[in-house]
Amino acid sequence: MASKQETAGRQMGYKCRIAGVLLLLLTSIAALIAVAVIQDTWKFKEYSLEYGIVIDSGSSRSTVYLYEWPGEKQNDTGVVTEIKNCRVKGDGISEMKVDPQKDAESWKAFQVCMDDIINAIPVAKQNATPLYLGATAGMRLLHEQDEKRSNDVMASLRKYLSSLPVNFKSASIISGQEEGLYGWVTVNYLMGNLIEKNVWNAYIRPDGAKTVGSMDLGGASTQIAFAITDNLTGPDYMPIKLYGYPYNVYTHSFLCYGKNEAEKRILDKVIQESSNPAYIINPCFPEGYNATIKASTIYDTECTKKPRGYNPDQEYFMVGVADSDRCLSMVKSIFDFETCSSSLCSFNGVEQPPVTGDFMAYAGFFYTARALLKNGTEDPDDFNSDFDRFNASVRQFCNSHWEVLRSEKTWISPRFLKTYCYSGHYMFSLLADGYKFDKDTFENINFAKQVKSTSIGWSLGYMLSMSNMIPSEVKEILPMTNPVFASLIFLFSALTIVTIVIVFILLIRSCF
């Protein structure tokens, strides 16, 4: 018989072995859990770059823009960058379906730009790249004037764009309010008012979150848009959410008040005051400038009323007299500054809250201001002017002789140079009498062509808004590859099972 000491030693040995095996069992279980937790919690998402194409089809031309953004969005909105643009040669799409030969040239020009843009997209991403076309005021006018031709033009564009090796989404005529709203988004995004990076390289909302108003002067319409803090509602108040934050934006578009259409209305006023179409005094043309203008170039639009006995081939011979005051009177006659059923209106009875804060004025506003205020070939991105200086510059320009203007403004084409007396008065009347900028607030207007080397317009803002609805391509990257993960799980599972069996055997043996 074994002594008590030997028995106690054997029992102690069993207990040590059981303790060791239990420790191994617990370690195996812990390792198994750790591998599973690491594989699940340490995984991360890898996003690819996303691309989008927007075609801005304005009244005088179309421009194709290519944008990109990281797939990892900030509060559902992409951080979008313009990487390429291409201006389509020829007239705007509102001139289509009139001359088959011109149409053929337009399609060729479109193809040149689309090839250029699509080739800049990685081949693997082309089929998934969304394509949008937005037609603006030129097509809005055509739709009013000739709905069938307007529909035919849009149908042809949809058919063509659908044939391209990208993900065609839509081609539509956007409203004036949308054009104004997306222009506001573009301006504030480029200026860093909606989102910025902090010192930790993370995107945050800027301190104060101040925004600036935007003003766009196109060929057929003009838009104003600015955010308001009051919770006002109505047809001209549009809510929008960007990077997780809501904004209430006042925006209104005035059709037929773009630079080109307003000029036609002024020319109509000049013609109405003359009894001899072969010799018409035009106070908005410089002295020394004469021109023969065909009736169709003035009246082939919904913005001007055709005269009695209208003949599109009739010619008007106009003689410039450089009368600034008379030109201003004619310019103001196309506005209604009196009618207003609200507490405050801009013009034509349209309600508008008071303009406050800074504003950026682009497109036609920039080019007109540059022509009046600059005297060299420099092409600054932006500049400011005060109320009196701008008004004085308009009057000086309008009272100058054509040859003097030609010698001073050699960097401006004569085709446009002749228009800046009218457009200077028009722009100043629109800003001062229409939008109610005064001597104090006029200085808050910044005339700009670009921001951070990016063209200002509605298309970038539209792409930002659309990025909310475009899904991102994402891959899950695991800390361990599937074979490694499976091997570790198998190893520790097997080890756990083996240790459980050993513990069971040891416990059985300890009973005998």
Protein backbone atom coordinates (compact mmCIF):
# COMPACT_ATOMS: atom_id res chain seq x y z
CA MET A 1 0.00 0.00 0.00
CA ALA A 2 1.12 3.45 -0.86
CA SER A 3 1.86 5.74 1.97
CA LYS A 4 -0.28 8.77 2.67
CA GLN A 5 2.59 10.95 1.48
CA GLU A 6 2.72 9.22 -1.92
CA THR A 7 -1.06 9.46 -2.29
CA ALA A 8 -0.98 13.14 -1.51
CA GLY A 9 1.81 13.61 -4.05
CA ARG A 10 -0.15 11.86 -6.76
CA GLN A 11 -3.24 14.00 -6.04
CA MET A 12 -1.12 17.11 -6.15
CA GLY A 13 0.30 15.98 -9.51
CA TYR A 14 -3.18 15.49 -10.94
CA LYS A 15 -4.24 18.91 -9.74
CA CYS A 16 -1.19 20.54 -11.34
CA ARG A 17 -1.78 18.74 -14.61
CA ILE A 18 -5.47 19.70 -14.58
CA ALA A 19 -4.57 23.32 -13.76
CA GLY A 20 -2.05 23.39 -16.61
CA VAL A 21 -4.52 21.93 -19.09
CA LEU A 22 -7.26 24.32 -17.93
CA LEU A 23 -4.84 27.22 -18.41
CA LEU A 24 -4.11 25.95 -21.93
CA LEU A 25 -7.85 25.62 -22.55
CA LEU A 26 -8.54 29.17 -21.40
CA THR A 27 -5.62 30.46 -23.49
CA SER A 28 -6.95 28.67 -26.59
CA ILE A 29 -10.44 30.07 -26.06
CA ALA A 30 -9.03 33.56 -25.50
CA ALA A 31 -6.89 33.30 -28.64
CA LEU A 32 -9.89 32.06 -30.64
CA ILE A 33 -12.01 35.01 -29.47
CA ALA A 34 -9.16 37.46 -30.07
CA VAL A 35 -8.65 36.31 -33.66
CA ALA A 36 -12.38 36.66 -34.38
CA VAL A 37 -12.60 40.10 -32.73
CA ILE A 38 -9.49 41.40 -34.51
CA GLN A 39 -10.78 40.20 -37.88
CA ASP A 40 -14.10 41.96 -37.31
CA THR A 41 -13.12 45.20 -35.59
CA TRP A 42 -9.83 45.96 -37.31
CA LYS A 43 -11.23 45.74 -40.82
CA PHE A 44 -11.46 48.98 -42.78
CA LYS A 45 -13.07 50.24 -45.97
CA GLU A 46 -11.09 51.20 -49.05
CA TYR A 47 -12.86 53.64 -51.37
CA SER A 48 -12.04 54.26 -54.99
CA LEU A 49 -12.24 57.64 -56.72
CA GLU A 50 -15.67 58.37 -58.18
CA TYR A 51 -16.28 60.40 -61.35
CA GLY A 52 -19.18 62.39 -62.73
CA ILE A 53 -19.88 64.38 -65.91
CA VAL A 54 -22.16 67.42 -66.14
CA ILE A 55 -22.95 69.19 -69.41
CA ASP A 56 -23.96 72.83 -68.98
CA SER A 57 -25.97 73.73 -72.08
CA GLY A 58 -26.48 77.47 -71.92
CA SER A 59 -28.11 79.88 -74.33
CA SER A 60 -24.92 80.49 -76.32
CA ARG A 61 -22.80 77.35 -75.84
CA SER A 62 -22.39 74.00 -74.09
CA THR A 63 -19.52 73.11 -71.76
CA VAL A 64 -18.71 69.60 -70.54
CA TYR A 65 -17.27 69.28 -67.01
CA LEU A 66 -15.57 66.22 -65.49
CA TYR A 67 -15.54 65.93 -61.71
CA GLU A 68 -14.02 63.46 -59.26
CA TRP A 69 -14.41 62.82 -55.54
CA PRO A 70 -13.20 60.26 -53.00
CA GLY A 71 -15.79 57.55 -52.45
CA GLU A 72 -15.69 58.20 -48.70
CA LYS A 73 -18.22 61.01 -48.45
CA GLN A 74 -18.59 63.58 -45.70
CA ASN A 75 -22.10 63.30 -44.23
CA ASP A 76 -23.35 61.81 -47.52
CA THR A 77 -21.90 64.58 -49.72
CA GLY A 78 -18.84 64.14 -51.91
CA VAL A 79 -15.79 66.41 -51.74
CA VAL A 80 -15.88 67.20 -55.45
CA THR A 81 -13.09 68.60 -57.64
CA GLU A 82 -13.26 69.73 -61.26
CA ILE A 83 -10.45 67.98 -63.13
CA LYS A 84 -11.27 68.84 -66.74
CA ASN A 85 -13.68 70.80 -68.93
CA CYS A 86 -14.28 71.13 -72.63
CA ARG A 87 -16.18 73.88 -74.42
CA VAL A 88 -18.28 72.56 -77.30
CA LYS A 89 -17.65 74.64 -80.42
CA GLY A 90 -20.57 76.31 -82.12
CA ASP A 91 -23.92 77.66 -80.94
CA GLY A 92 -26.03 76.55 -78.01
CA ILE A 93 -28.37 73.57 -78.30
CA SER A 94 -31.37 75.91 -78.63
CA GLU A 95 -30.19 76.55 -82.21
CA MET A 96 -30.52 72.86 -83.15
CA LYS A 97 -33.22 71.40 -85.44
CA VAL A 98 -33.13 74.42 -87.75
CA ASP A 99 -30.22 73.84 -90.15
CA PRO A 100 -29.20 70.17 -90.76
CA GLN A 101 -25.69 71.19 -91.77
CA LYS A 102 -25.16 73.16 -88.56
CA ASP A 103 -26.60 70.27 -86.59
CA ALA A 104 -24.05 67.90 -88.12
CA GLU A 105 -21.26 70.28 -87.09
CA SER A 106 -22.72 70.52 -83.58
CA TRP A 107 -22.76 66.72 -83.16
CA LYS A 108 -19.15 66.51 -84.32
CA ALA A 109 -18.19 69.20 -81.79
CA PHE A 110 -20.03 67.33 -79.05
CA GLN A 111 -18.21 64.12 -79.96
CA VAL A 112 -14.81 65.83 -79.79
CA CYS A 113 -15.52 67.04 -76.24
CA MET A 114 -17.09 63.79 -75.06
CA ASP A 115 -14.13 61.76 -76.35
CA ASP A 116 -11.75 64.12 -74.57
CA ILE A 117 -13.66 63.90 -71.28
CA ILE A 118 -14.31 60.14 -71.32
CA ASN A 119 -10.69 59.35 -72.16
CA ALA A 120 -9.67 61.15 -68.98
CA ILE A 121 -11.63 58.63 -66.88
CA PRO A 122 -9.98 55.29 -65.95
CA VAL A 123 -11.37 52.60 -68.25
CA ALA A 124 -12.57 50.51 -65.30
CA LYS A 125 -14.69 53.43 -64.04
CA GLN A 126 -16.19 54.66 -67.32
CA ASN A 127 -19.32 52.50 -67.38
CA ALA A 128 -20.18 53.55 -63.81
CA THR A 129 -19.56 57.28 -64.34
CA PRO A 130 -22.88 59.19 -64.24
CA LEU A 131 -23.60 61.73 -66.98
CA TYR A 132 -26.08 64.58 -66.62
CA LEU A 133 -27.05 67.34 -69.03
CA GLY A 134 -28.77 70.48 -67.82
CA ALA A 135 -30.16 72.97 -70.33
CA THR A 136 -30.72 76.48 -69.02
CA ALA A 137 -32.43 79.70 -70.09
CA GLY A 138 -31.92 79.33 -73.85
CA MET A 139 -33.91 76.09 -73.83
CA ARG A 140 -36.43 77.48 -71.35
CA LEU A 141 -37.16 80.20 -73.88
CA LEU A 142 -37.29 77.75 -76.79
CA HIS A 143 -39.71 75.56 -74.85
CA GLU A 144 -42.06 78.54 -74.51
CA GLN A 145 -41.60 79.55 -78.13
CA ASP A 146 -41.63 76.15 -79.87
CA GLU A 147 -42.35 73.25 -77.55
CA LYS A 148 -42.14 70.64 -80.32
CA ARG A 149 -38.67 71.73 -81.45
CA SER A 150 -37.57 71.93 -77.83
CA ASN A 151 -38.75 68.36 -77.21
CA ASP A 152 -37.07 67.16 -80.43
CA VAL A 153 -33.75 68.72 -79.41
CA MET A 154 -33.85 67.11 -75.97
CA ALA A 155 -34.87 63.73 -77.43
CA SER A 156 -31.92 63.84 -79.85
CA LEU A 157 -29.55 64.67 -77.02
CA ARG A 158 -30.85 61.81 -74.86
CA LYS A 159 -30.43 59.37 -77.74
CA TYR A 160 -26.87 60.54 -78.41
CA LEU A 161 -25.79 60.62 -74.76
CA SER A 162 -27.30 57.17 -74.14
CA SER A 163 -24.98 55.75 -76.80
CA LEU A 164 -21.83 56.82 -74.95
CA PRO A 165 -19.82 54.34 -72.84
CA VAL A 166 -20.82 56.00 -69.56
CA ASN A 167 -23.83 55.79 -67.25
CA PHE A 168 -26.20 58.34 -68.80
CA LYS A 169 -28.62 59.54 -66.14
CA SER A 170 -30.65 62.44 -67.49
CA ALA A 171 -30.89 65.35 -69.90
CA SER A 172 -33.40 67.97 -68.86
CA ILE A 173 -34.22 71.67 -68.89
CA ILE A 174 -33.46 72.86 -65.36
CA SER A 175 -35.48 75.62 -63.76
CA GLY A 176 -34.13 79.08 -63.14
CA GLN A 177 -34.39 78.48 -59.39
CA GLU A 178 -32.26 75.35 -59.66
CA GLU A 179 -29.69 77.25 -61.70
CA GLY A 180 -29.52 79.96 -59.05
CA LEU A 181 -29.40 77.51 -56.14
CA TYR A 182 -26.63 75.34 -57.61
CA GLY A 183 -24.64 78.45 -58.50
CA TRP A 184 -24.85 79.47 -54.83
CA VAL A 185 -23.66 76.00 -53.79
CA THR A 186 -20.71 76.21 -56.22
CA VAL A 187 -19.57 79.61 -54.96
CA ASN A 188 -19.73 78.69 -51.28
CA TYR A 189 -18.15 75.28 -51.78
CA LEU A 190 -15.18 76.72 -53.68
CA MET A 191 -14.71 79.43 -51.06
CA GLY A 192 -14.59 76.84 -48.27
CA ASN A 193 -17.78 78.05 -46.60
CA LEU A 194 -19.45 74.62 -46.52
CA ILE A 195 -16.59 72.32 -45.51
CA GLU A 196 -12.88 72.59 -44.71
CA LYS A 197 -10.02 70.50 -43.32
CA ASN A 198 -8.83 71.03 -39.76
CA VAL A 199 -5.30 70.59 -38.39
CA TRP A 200 -5.94 66.84 -38.07
CA ASN A 201 -6.72 66.66 -41.81
CA ALA A 202 -10.37 65.88 -41.07
CA TYR A 203 -13.28 67.62 -42.79
CA ILE A 204 -15.32 69.91 -40.55
CA ARG A 205 -17.82 72.74 -40.88
CA PRO A 206 -16.00 76.10 -40.84
CA ASP A 207 -16.25 78.26 -37.72
CA GLY A 208 -19.15 80.66 -38.04
CA ALA A 209 -20.41 78.85 -41.15
CA LYS A 210 -20.92 82.13 -43.01
CA THR A 211 -21.97 81.94 -46.64
CA VAL A 212 -21.89 84.47 -49.47
CA GLY A 213 -24.61 85.32 -51.94
CA SER A 214 -24.21 84.62 -55.65
CA MET A 215 -25.32 86.48 -58.76
CA ASP A 216 -25.15 85.01 -62.25
CA LEU A 217 -25.68 86.96 -65.47
CA GLY A 218 -26.12 84.65 -68.44
CA GLY A 219 -27.23 85.28 -71.99
CA ALA A 220 -30.96 84.73 -71.49
CA SER A 221 -31.50 84.97 -67.72
CA THR A 222 -30.00 86.30 -64.52
CA GLN A 223 -30.10 84.71 -61.06
CA ILE A 224 -29.62 85.90 -57.51
CA ALA A 225 -29.30 83.55 -54.51
CA PHE A 226 -28.35 84.02 -50.87
CA ALA A 227 -28.91 82.14 -47.61
CA ILE A 228 -31.24 83.58 -44.99
CA THR A 229 -31.43 82.79 -41.30
CA ASP A 230 -35.16 83.41 -41.02
CA ASN A 231 -37.47 80.45 -41.54
CA LEU A 232 -39.22 82.04 -44.51
CA THR A 233 -41.15 79.92 -46.99
CA GLY A 234 -42.50 80.45 -50.46
CA PRO A 235 -41.77 79.66 -54.10
CA ASP A 236 -38.41 81.47 -54.00
CA TYR A 237 -37.12 79.82 -50.82
CA MET A 238 -35.34 76.51 -51.35
CA PRO A 239 -34.06 74.28 -48.52
CA ILE A 240 -30.94 72.22 -49.20
CA LYS A 241 -28.79 69.95 -47.02
CA LEU A 242 -25.04 69.74 -47.61
CA TYR A 243 -22.47 67.85 -45.52
CA GLY A 244 -25.16 67.20 -42.94
CA TYR A 245 -26.18 70.85 -42.46
CA PRO A 246 -29.42 72.48 -43.67
CA TYR A 247 -29.59 75.84 -45.45
CA ASN A 248 -32.55 77.98 -46.47
CA VAL A 249 -31.66 79.80 -49.70
CA TYR A 250 -33.60 82.59 -51.35
CA THR A 251 -33.19 82.30 -55.11
CA HIS A 252 -34.93 83.87 -58.07
CA SER A 253 -34.26 83.75 -61.79
CA PHE A 254 -35.39 86.44 -64.23
CA LEU A 255 -35.95 85.00 -67.68
CA CYS A 256 -35.41 87.47 -70.55
CA TYR A 257 -33.08 89.53 -68.32
CA GLY A 258 -29.84 87.87 -69.38
CA LYS A 259 -27.30 90.10 -71.10
CA ASN A 260 -28.17 89.09 -74.68
CA GLU A 261 -31.95 89.08 -74.29
CA ALA A 262 -31.94 92.38 -72.41
CA GLU A 263 -29.90 93.92 -75.24
CA LYS A 264 -32.54 92.80 -77.76
CA ARG A 265 -35.21 94.51 -75.66
CA ILE A 266 -33.16 97.71 -75.58
CA LEU A 267 -32.68 97.58 -79.35
CA ASP A 268 -36.44 97.14 -79.72
CA LYS A 269 -36.96 100.30 -77.64
CA VAL A 270 -34.51 102.16 -79.88
CA ILE A 271 -36.36 101.01 -83.01
CA GLN A 272 -39.76 101.94 -81.60
CA GLU A 273 -38.60 105.52 -81.03
CA SER A 274 -37.42 105.87 -84.61
CA SER A 275 -39.53 106.46 -87.72
CA ASN A 276 -36.84 105.61 -90.25
CA PRO A 277 -35.38 102.05 -90.17
CA ALA A 278 -32.68 103.19 -92.59
CA TYR A 279 -31.25 105.66 -90.07
CA ILE A 280 -31.82 104.93 -86.38
CA ILE A 281 -30.12 106.89 -83.63
CA ASN A 282 -28.87 104.51 -80.92
CA PRO A 283 -27.78 106.29 -77.71
CA CYS A 284 -26.24 103.07 -76.34
CA PHE A 285 -23.78 102.69 -79.24
CA PRO A 286 -20.51 104.69 -79.10
CA GLU A 287 -20.18 107.70 -81.35
CA GLY A 288 -18.43 106.63 -84.53
CA TYR A 289 -19.93 103.13 -84.48
CA ASN A 290 -22.57 102.20 -87.04
CA ALA A 291 -24.17 98.81 -87.67
CA THR A 292 -26.78 97.13 -89.83
CA ILE A 293 -28.88 94.72 -87.80
CA LYS A 294 -31.31 92.16 -89.20
CA ALA A 295 -34.76 92.08 -87.58
CA SER A 296 -34.59 88.34 -86.88
CA THR A 297 -31.62 88.82 -84.54
CA ILE A 298 -33.81 91.05 -82.33
CA TYR A 299 -37.29 89.56 -82.60
CA ASP A 300 -36.71 85.84 -83.03
CA THR A 301 -37.27 85.29 -79.30
CA GLU A 302 -40.10 85.25 -76.79
CA CYS A 303 -38.48 88.14 -74.92
CA THR A 304 -39.30 90.83 -77.49
CA LYS A 305 -42.70 91.46 -79.02
CA LYS A 306 -42.66 91.35 -82.81
CA PRO A 307 -43.68 94.63 -84.45
CA ARG A 308 -46.70 94.89 -86.72
CA GLY A 309 -45.88 93.62 -90.21
CA TYR A 310 -42.77 91.86 -88.91
CA ASN A 311 -40.31 90.79 -91.59
CA PRO A 312 -37.38 88.72 -90.26
CA ASP A 313 -35.19 89.85 -93.19
CA GLN A 314 -35.76 93.57 -92.65
CA GLU A 315 -32.58 95.49 -91.87
CA TYR A 316 -32.10 98.38 -89.45
CA PHE A 317 -29.21 100.79 -89.85
CA MET A 318 -28.16 102.12 -86.45
CA VAL A 319 -25.89 105.09 -85.76
CA GLY A 320 -24.20 105.51 -82.38
CA VAL A 321 -24.43 108.88 -80.63
CA ALA A 322 -22.96 108.06 -77.18
CA ASP A 323 -25.72 109.55 -75.03
CA SER A 324 -25.26 108.00 -71.60
CA ASP A 325 -28.34 109.56 -69.97
CA ARG A 326 -30.64 108.59 -72.82
CA CYS A 327 -29.23 105.05 -72.86
CA LEU A 328 -29.83 104.75 -69.11
CA SER A 329 -33.44 105.87 -69.55
CA MET A 330 -34.01 103.16 -72.15
CA VAL A 331 -32.37 100.55 -69.98
CA LYS A 332 -34.57 101.39 -67.00
CA SER A 333 -37.69 101.18 -69.15
CA ILE A 334 -37.43 97.39 -69.36
CA PHE A 335 -37.74 97.11 -65.54
CA ASP A 336 -40.74 97.67 -63.31
CA PHE A 337 -39.38 99.10 -60.09
CA GLU A 338 -42.75 100.32 -58.78
CA THR A 339 -45.03 97.28 -58.48
CA CYS A 340 -44.67 95.41 -55.19
CA SER A 341 -47.23 93.57 -53.08
CA SER A 342 -44.70 92.57 -50.39
CA SER A 343 -42.69 94.50 -47.83
CA LEU A 344 -39.71 94.54 -50.19
CA CYS A 345 -39.29 93.63 -53.87
CA SER A 346 -36.47 93.55 -56.39
CA PHE A 347 -38.35 94.41 -59.60
CA ASN A 348 -41.37 93.27 -61.61
CA GLY A 349 -43.22 92.67 -58.34
CA VAL A 350 -40.87 89.88 -57.18
CA GLU A 351 -40.48 89.58 -53.39
CA GLN A 352 -36.89 89.67 -52.12
CA PRO A 353 -35.41 89.90 -48.61
CA PRO A 354 -32.77 92.62 -48.05
CA VAL A 355 -29.32 91.78 -49.40
CA THR A 356 -26.84 91.29 -46.57
CA GLY A 357 -23.26 90.10 -46.35
CA ASP A 358 -20.82 89.44 -49.17
CA PHE A 359 -21.81 88.53 -52.72
CA MET A 360 -19.96 87.01 -55.64
CA ALA A 361 -21.05 88.16 -59.11
CA TYR A 362 -19.82 86.04 -62.01
CA ALA A 363 -20.30 85.24 -65.71
CA GLY A 364 -21.65 88.36 -67.48
CA PHE A 365 -21.26 90.45 -64.33
CA PHE A 366 -17.53 89.77 -64.28
CA TYR A 367 -16.92 90.43 -67.97
CA THR A 368 -18.90 93.67 -67.95
CA ALA A 369 -17.17 94.95 -64.81
CA ARG A 370 -13.78 94.02 -66.23
CA ALA A 371 -14.48 95.86 -69.49
CA LEU A 372 -15.50 99.01 -67.64
CA LEU A 373 -12.95 99.04 -64.83
CA LYS A 374 -9.79 97.61 -66.40
CA ASN A 375 -7.61 99.21 -69.04
CA GLY A 376 -5.07 96.52 -69.86
CA THR A 377 -4.81 92.96 -71.06
CA GLU A 378 -4.66 91.58 -67.54
CA ASP A 379 -7.36 89.07 -66.74
CA PRO A 380 -7.73 88.99 -62.93
CA ASP A 381 -9.79 86.27 -61.34
CA ASP A 382 -11.71 88.75 -59.22
CA PHE A 383 -11.91 92.36 -58.08
CA ASN A 384 -14.19 94.80 -56.27
CA SER A 385 -15.52 98.27 -57.03
CA ASP A 386 -17.43 100.90 -55.11
CA PHE A 387 -20.82 102.36 -56.02
CA ASP A 388 -19.70 105.76 -57.33
CA ARG A 389 -16.64 104.48 -59.19
CA PHE A 390 -18.66 101.90 -61.07
CA ASN A 391 -21.35 104.41 -62.01
CA ALA A 392 -18.71 106.92 -63.17
CA SER A 393 -16.95 104.23 -65.24
CA VAL A 394 -20.19 103.43 -67.06
CA ARG A 395 -20.79 107.08 -67.92
CA GLN A 396 -17.22 107.57 -69.08
CA PHE A 397 -17.42 104.51 -71.29
CA CYS A 398 -20.78 105.56 -72.77
CA ASN A 399 -19.54 109.04 -73.63
CA SER A 400 -16.36 107.81 -75.33
CA HIS A 401 -15.79 107.73 -79.09
CA TRP A 402 -15.65 104.33 -80.78
CA GLU A 403 -12.06 104.80 -81.95
CA VAL A 404 -10.94 105.78 -78.46
CA LEU A 405 -12.52 102.65 -77.05
CA ARG A 406 -10.88 100.53 -79.75
CA SER A 407 -7.48 101.95 -78.90
CA GLU A 408 -7.93 101.62 -75.12
CA LYS A 409 -9.65 98.23 -75.03
CA THR A 410 -7.64 96.33 -77.61
CA TRP A 411 -8.09 93.11 -75.63
CA ILE A 412 -11.88 93.15 -76.17
CA SER A 413 -13.42 91.99 -79.46
CA PRO A 414 -15.39 94.74 -81.27
CA ARG A 415 -18.35 92.34 -81.27
CA PHE A 416 -18.56 92.68 -77.48
CA LEU A 417 -17.01 96.11 -77.04
CA LYS A 418 -20.03 97.83 -78.64
CA THR A 419 -22.35 96.29 -76.01
CA TYR A 420 -20.72 97.50 -72.81
CA CYS A 421 -22.37 100.93 -72.64
CA TYR A 422 -25.79 99.32 -72.57
CA SER A 423 -24.68 96.40 -70.36
CA GLY A 424 -22.88 98.71 -67.93
CA HIS A 425 -26.06 100.72 -67.35
CA TYR A 426 -28.09 97.54 -67.32
CA MET A 427 -25.88 95.87 -64.72
CA PHE A 428 -25.78 98.92 -62.47
CA SER A 429 -29.57 99.36 -62.67
CA LEU A 430 -30.08 95.68 -61.91
CA LEU A 431 -27.81 95.81 -58.86
CA ALA A 432 -28.73 99.24 -57.48
CA ASP A 433 -32.39 99.70 -58.43
CA GLY A 434 -33.32 96.04 -58.76
CA TYR A 435 -31.52 94.11 -56.02
CA LYS A 436 -31.25 97.24 -53.84
CA PHE A 437 -27.49 97.40 -53.30
CA ASP A 438 -26.53 100.84 -51.96
CA LYS A 439 -23.24 102.65 -51.39
CA ASP A 440 -22.47 100.53 -48.34
CA THR A 441 -23.49 97.10 -49.62
CA PHE A 442 -22.17 97.56 -53.19
CA GLU A 443 -18.64 97.28 -51.82
CA ASN A 444 -19.51 93.75 -50.67
CA ILE A 445 -19.83 92.56 -54.27
CA ASN A 446 -16.85 90.65 -55.61
CA PHE A 447 -16.75 90.29 -59.40
CA ALA A 448 -15.19 86.93 -60.14
CA LYS A 449 -14.42 84.67 -63.05
CA GLN A 450 -13.01 81.71 -61.11
CA VAL A 451 -12.33 80.52 -57.57
CA LYS A 452 -9.24 78.40 -57.02
CA SER A 453 -8.81 77.94 -60.78
CA THR A 454 -12.32 76.50 -61.07
CA SER A 455 -15.00 78.11 -63.24
CA ILE A 456 -18.03 79.39 -61.36
CA GLY A 457 -21.40 78.10 -62.52
CA TRP A 458 -24.28 75.87 -61.54
CA SER A 459 -22.76 72.56 -62.74
CA LEU A 460 -20.36 71.98 -59.81
CA GLY A 461 -23.11 72.68 -57.29
CA TYR A 462 -25.36 70.27 -59.17
CA MET A 463 -22.68 67.57 -59.05
CA LEU A 464 -22.26 68.11 -55.31
CA SER A 465 -25.98 67.65 -54.80
CA MET A 466 -26.11 64.58 -57.05
CA SER A 467 -23.18 62.99 -55.18
CA ASN A 468 -25.61 62.48 -52.28
CA MET A 469 -27.44 59.89 -54.38
CA ILE A 470 -24.48 58.24 -56.13
CA PRO A 471 -23.33 55.07 -54.32
CA SER A 472 -19.61 54.66 -53.71
CA GLU A 473 -17.57 51.65 -54.74
CA VAL A 474 -16.06 50.26 -51.56
CA LYS A 475 -13.94 47.26 -50.61
CA GLU A 476 -13.60 45.81 -47.12
CA ILE A 477 -9.94 45.29 -46.22
CA LEU A 478 -9.48 42.69 -43.44
CA PRO A 479 -6.40 42.66 -41.16
CA MET A 480 -5.86 38.99 -42.02
CA THR A 481 -6.39 37.30 -45.36
CA ASN A 482 -9.05 34.61 -45.48
CA PRO A 483 -6.53 31.68 -45.53
CA VAL A 484 -4.61 33.07 -42.54
CA PHE A 485 -7.82 33.77 -40.63
CA ALA A 486 -9.19 30.29 -41.39
CA SER A 487 -5.91 28.63 -40.37
CA LEU A 488 -5.79 30.44 -37.04
CA ILE A 489 -9.42 29.67 -36.30
CA PHE A 490 -8.80 25.98 -37.11
CA LEU A 491 -5.62 25.87 -35.02
CA PHE A 492 -7.12 27.40 -31.89
CA SER A 493 -10.41 25.50 -32.29
CA ALA A 494 -8.49 22.22 -32.55
CA LEU A 495 -6.35 23.17 -29.57
CA THR A 496 -9.48 23.97 -27.56
CA ILE A 497 -11.06 20.62 -28.41
CA VAL A 498 -7.88 18.68 -27.57
CA THR A 499 -7.52 20.42 -24.21
CA ILE A 500 -11.16 19.74 -23.35
CA VAL A 501 -10.60 16.02 -24.09
CA ILE A 502 -7.44 15.97 -21.94
CA VAL A 503 -9.25 17.70 -19.07
CA PHE A 504 -12.04 15.14 -19.32
CA ILE A 505 -9.57 12.20 -19.24
CA LEU A 506 -7.71 13.66 -16.27
CA LEU A 507 -10.92 14.18 -14.34
CA ILE A 508 -12.03 10.58 -14.99
CA ARG A 509 -8.66 9.19 -13.86
CA SER A 510 -8.78 11.27 -10.71
CA CYS A 511 -11.94 9.43 -9.68
CA PHE A 512 -10.14 5.99 -9.51
